[in-house]
Amino acid sequence: MTSPGPEDEGGDAACWLRRVCPACGRIADEDPPTRCPACGEVLPAE
């Protein structure tokens, strides 16, 4: 069996980056402006 190449790597879409909480790293359930559901940190609109 061969190991997967770079083209086979998965991951989250870059457009979700704005949903990542800077305080705890959790992904928010909706686009900013919102609050992190885990820690309550405000995720401002850009």
N, C-alpha and C. Protein backbone atom coordinates (compact mmCIF):
# COMPACT_ATOMS: atom_id res chain seq x y z
N MET A 1 0.85 -1.18 0.00
CA MET A 1 0.00 0.00 0.00
C MET A 1 0.90 1.24 0.00
N THR A 2 0.53 2.24 -0.77
CA THR A 2 1.31 3.47 -0.84
C THR A 2 0.70 4.54 0.05
N SER A 3 1.55 5.44 0.49
CA SER A 3 1.04 6.54 1.32
C SER A 3 0.43 7.60 0.41
N PRO A 4 -0.58 8.32 0.92
CA PRO A 4 -1.24 9.34 0.10
C PRO A 4 -0.29 10.49 -0.22
N GLY A 5 -0.42 11.03 -1.40
CA GLY A 5 0.39 12.16 -1.80
C GLY A 5 -0.26 13.46 -1.37
N PRO A 6 0.41 14.58 -1.60
CA PRO A 6 -0.12 15.88 -1.20
C PRO A 6 -1.50 16.18 -1.78
N GLU A 7 -1.77 15.67 -2.98
CA GLU A 7 -3.07 15.92 -3.59
C GLU A 7 -4.19 15.18 -2.88
N ASP A 8 -3.86 14.21 -2.03
CA ASP A 8 -4.86 13.43 -1.32
C ASP A 8 -5.16 13.96 0.08
N GLU A 9 -4.41 14.97 0.52
CA GLU A 9 -4.61 15.50 1.87
C GLU A 9 -5.92 16.24 1.97
N GLY A 10 -6.65 16.00 3.03
CA GLY A 10 -7.91 16.69 3.26
C GLY A 10 -7.70 17.91 4.13
N GLY A 11 -8.78 18.43 4.63
CA GLY A 11 -8.70 19.59 5.50
C GLY A 11 -9.88 20.50 5.32
N ASP A 12 -9.94 21.49 6.18
CA ASP A 12 -11.03 22.45 6.12
C ASP A 12 -10.74 23.50 5.06
N ALA A 13 -11.80 24.00 4.48
CA ALA A 13 -11.66 25.04 3.47
C ALA A 13 -11.10 26.32 4.09
N ALA A 14 -10.32 27.05 3.33
CA ALA A 14 -9.72 28.29 3.83
C ALA A 14 -10.77 29.33 4.20
N CYS A 15 -11.95 29.24 3.60
CA CYS A 15 -12.98 30.23 3.91
C CYS A 15 -13.50 30.07 5.34
N TRP A 16 -13.19 28.96 6.01
CA TRP A 16 -13.61 28.76 7.40
C TRP A 16 -12.64 29.42 8.38
N LEU A 17 -11.53 29.91 7.90
CA LEU A 17 -10.51 30.48 8.77
C LEU A 17 -11.05 31.60 9.64
N ARG A 18 -11.94 32.42 9.09
CA ARG A 18 -12.50 33.53 9.88
C ARG A 18 -13.40 33.05 11.01
N ARG A 19 -13.81 31.78 10.98
CA ARG A 19 -14.65 31.22 12.04
C ARG A 19 -13.84 30.65 13.21
N VAL A 20 -12.52 30.57 13.07
CA VAL A 20 -11.68 29.99 14.11
C VAL A 20 -11.54 30.99 15.26
N CYS A 21 -11.86 30.55 16.45
CA CYS A 21 -11.77 31.41 17.63
C CYS A 21 -10.30 31.62 17.99
N PRO A 22 -9.86 32.88 18.13
CA PRO A 22 -8.46 33.13 18.47
C PRO A 22 -8.14 32.75 19.92
N ALA A 23 -9.15 32.64 20.76
CA ALA A 23 -8.93 32.32 22.17
C ALA A 23 -8.79 30.82 22.42
N CYS A 24 -9.66 30.01 21.78
CA CYS A 24 -9.64 28.58 22.10
C CYS A 24 -9.45 27.67 20.90
N GLY A 25 -9.56 28.21 19.67
CA GLY A 25 -9.33 27.42 18.48
C GLY A 25 -10.54 26.69 17.93
N ARG A 26 -11.68 26.80 18.60
CA ARG A 26 -12.87 26.12 18.10
C ARG A 26 -13.42 26.87 16.90
N ILE A 27 -14.10 26.16 16.02
CA ILE A 27 -14.73 26.79 14.86
C ILE A 27 -16.16 27.17 15.24
N ALA A 28 -16.49 28.44 15.02
CA ALA A 28 -17.83 28.94 15.32
C ALA A 28 -18.85 28.31 14.39
N ASP A 29 -20.09 28.29 14.81
CA ASP A 29 -21.17 27.68 14.05
C ASP A 29 -21.65 28.55 12.89
N GLU A 30 -21.32 29.83 12.92
CA GLU A 30 -21.74 30.75 11.86
C GLU A 30 -20.65 31.77 11.60
N ASP A 31 -20.76 32.46 10.47
CA ASP A 31 -19.78 33.47 10.12
C ASP A 31 -19.87 34.65 11.08
N PRO A 32 -18.74 35.33 11.32
CA PRO A 32 -18.74 36.53 12.15
C PRO A 32 -19.59 37.63 11.51
N PRO A 33 -20.12 38.53 12.29
CA PRO A 33 -19.92 38.69 13.73
C PRO A 33 -20.74 37.67 14.52
N THR A 34 -20.09 37.05 15.49
CA THR A 34 -20.73 36.07 16.34
C THR A 34 -19.87 35.86 17.59
N ARG A 35 -20.29 34.97 18.44
CA ARG A 35 -19.51 34.60 19.62
C ARG A 35 -19.14 33.13 19.50
N CYS A 36 -18.01 32.79 20.05
CA CYS A 36 -17.56 31.40 20.07
C CYS A 36 -18.50 30.63 21.00
N PRO A 37 -19.05 29.51 20.54
CA PRO A 37 -19.95 28.75 21.38
C PRO A 37 -19.25 28.04 22.54
N ALA A 38 -17.93 27.90 22.45
CA ALA A 38 -17.19 27.21 23.51
C ALA A 38 -16.76 28.15 24.64
N CYS A 39 -16.19 29.30 24.28
CA CYS A 39 -15.63 30.18 25.32
C CYS A 39 -16.28 31.55 25.39
N GLY A 40 -17.11 31.90 24.41
CA GLY A 40 -17.82 33.19 24.44
C GLY A 40 -17.04 34.34 23.84
N GLU A 41 -15.84 34.08 23.32
CA GLU A 41 -15.05 35.15 22.70
C GLU A 41 -15.80 35.75 21.52
N VAL A 42 -15.75 37.06 21.38
CA VAL A 42 -16.39 37.74 20.25
C VAL A 42 -15.54 37.56 19.01
N LEU A 43 -16.18 37.11 17.94
CA LEU A 43 -15.52 37.02 16.64
C LEU A 43 -16.08 38.15 15.79
N PRO A 44 -15.34 39.25 15.66
CA PRO A 44 -15.87 40.42 14.94
C PRO A 44 -15.92 40.21 13.44
N ALA A 45 -16.78 40.99 12.81
CA ALA A 45 -16.81 41.00 11.33
C ALA A 45 -15.52 41.67 10.88
N GLU A 46 -15.05 41.28 9.75
CA GLU A 46 -13.76 41.83 9.27
C GLU A 46 -13.87 43.20 8.77
